[in-house]
Each structure stands twice: as structure tokens, then as C-alpha cells.
Amino acid sequence: MDRPPAYATSRLARSHTAHGGFARDFVEGLAAHPRRLAPKYFYDTAGSALFDHICALPEYYPTRTEIGILRACSEDIAACIGPGAQIVEFGAGSVLKIRLLLDALHSPAGFIPIDISGEHLHAAAAALQRDYPAIPIEPVVGDFTAPITLPACPAGARRVGFFPGSSLGNFEPDDAIRFLRHAAENLHGGGMLIGIDLVKDPARLHAAYNDAAGVTAAFNRNVLVRAQRELGAELAPERFAHYAFYNAPLRRIEMHLVSETSQRIVVLGRRFDFTPGDTLHTENSYKYTIDDFRELARSAGYSPGACWCDPDRSFSLHWLAMQ
């Protein structure tokens, strides 16, 4: 691809300032081979609402399974975390699962939810604060995969990470290790509670990412709708098909947007041509065995502790202490 003209570079720089990297990453993703986009850009206000809808779908087992584990094992989990903990949730979204922890913990010192979708986060945090008025709740809007400044930890409190939903599966394994190491620096030795989806029947995985109601398809296309709205991109989201499949050798679900026609995306002075069948890779969701994840955690500097699973062993929650 030719270098963009100077005016396009200037427009890209201005849009990057206004949209926190979305403009840069969208253009660079379209210029890459193969084309790709980071899944964090799903989560504008509309995308966050669509994801909440996905979590309630009958095909999408991870949310209700993890909630079931949290309910059944809350006392054991609270014993690992200990009293007086300040909880930091990475990618907090609607902050639903933290309620189960806050109800079980002894004298929690505070809660810091981090999410990239500011409007969605602030609304959820305000509702949580009304229900838990005695617990300091300090939302932080930002990309938790990048350096981020957190509110101070109260004197004598233990800072503990909470990363539910198997969101770590969106990272390439090496990037997952880097994230866990980065998180450890912010947690100051307090440990981490993390949800991990497990390897299972590919048919069940396929159904979870290809729901009959088409909500996941709308969620996937929403990143293009966002580019139209925020970046002024000239494109037709309806001409891209949602495509998700389980890549068994790599143990991951892949989500793509597949061009159904010959078409062109024009954004910030750059033109990108698609032929029928060309794809934009929008997400990976890695699945692990328990042993494989525990080994990954050790590589990141943690000591794997207790692990809790549902009866079908389809999902797991892990307590990771610091080495």
C-alpha cells in the first residue's frame, strides 16, 4: 500500500487524538496482511450493550457457567483472597460478577473497575455504588493492556486482580504472559482470580459464537458501524458476513468479517479494496486445558493455587498467587 498523502496523515493524527488509537489501529489493521483488528474496539457503548445481550443467550455458556462457579465456591474463593482486599477488575463491563465476590469477601477495602467503554462503565459503577455504599468504588476508563494509573491502595489493604469471562483468551499466548506480568506490577503481590474457558466439544464452541438470533453477528459488524460513526469511514457493514469457527490445532475460536462482494473501504484518505471472500480478522478466543493454563501462569511469574470448575469441566476459575 502506498504511503498516505500528507493531508491524510494529518487527519489520521487528529482522529487518533480524538479517538484514542482507534483511527490508527483501524487503518493499520486494514493495511496489514492478513487484515486484522484488536477486539478491544468492539466495546463502544453499542458494542458493550450487544455483548451484555450475548452473555444472556442460551448458546453462550461461559457467563452463566462462571457465575455458577462463583456462587458455589464463593467461600473458598474469599478465603484465598483474604480480608481487607481492594479488588481491581480488568475489562469490567457491566460489573455483574463482582457482586458475588463483594457479598462473600470480608471487609473489602474497595473496588476499581477498568474498562475501555467509559459511558457503559460509569453507569454500571454508579449502580453498583448505590447497592454497596460502604465500599469505595473508583472506575477507571482506559485500555488495561497499556500502562494505566490506578487509584491508591488503602494503607494495609491487599490489592487483588479479578479477570473473569475468559477474556485472557483474546490474547495470543505470549501476549497473555506479558499482560499477566504487567498486571502483577499493578497488584503489588496481591494475587489474581481469573476465569479461563476450557477445551471442549467443537460443536458447543461453534454454537456459542454463532447464535441463532444473530446477536454475535451484530456485535462483530458493530466495529464497522463504529468506524462509520467515529472516523467517517465509507463502507457498508451489511456487505460483510460474520464468520466464526474453531481452529482445533491452535485451540481457538476465530472471528472474522468476510466481504460478500467486491467493495472498497475509504477511511481518512486511505482506500482498501476487498474482493469476495476477503476477511478482516476481529477476534481470537483461546481455549486451554487446566494444566496448560497453569503452566502459562507459571511462565508469567505466578504460583497457581486452587482451581474451581463446573461439573461438566467446561469452564474454570483459578487463584494465582505471586511467586
Foldseek 3Di string as FASTA:
>chain_A
DDDFDPQLVVLLVVLCVVPVCLSVQQVVQLVDVQRAHEQLLLDAPVLLVLVVVLLPDPLAPQNVFVLVLLQVCQQVVQVLLAAQAEEEEEQCRLVPSVVSNVVNHHHHAAYEYEGQHPVRVVVSQVVVCVVVVPHHYHYDHDHLLDDDDDDDRPPPHQYEYEYEDLPLQQDDLVSSLVSLLVVCVVRVFSWYKYKAFADDDQVSVVCSCCPPVCSNFCSVLVSVVCCCVSFVKDDDSVQWTWDWGQPVVQQKIWIKTFGQAFDWIATSRDIRTDHGGRIYTYTIGHHHDPVVVQVSLVSSAWHWDDKTGDPVRRMIITITGGD
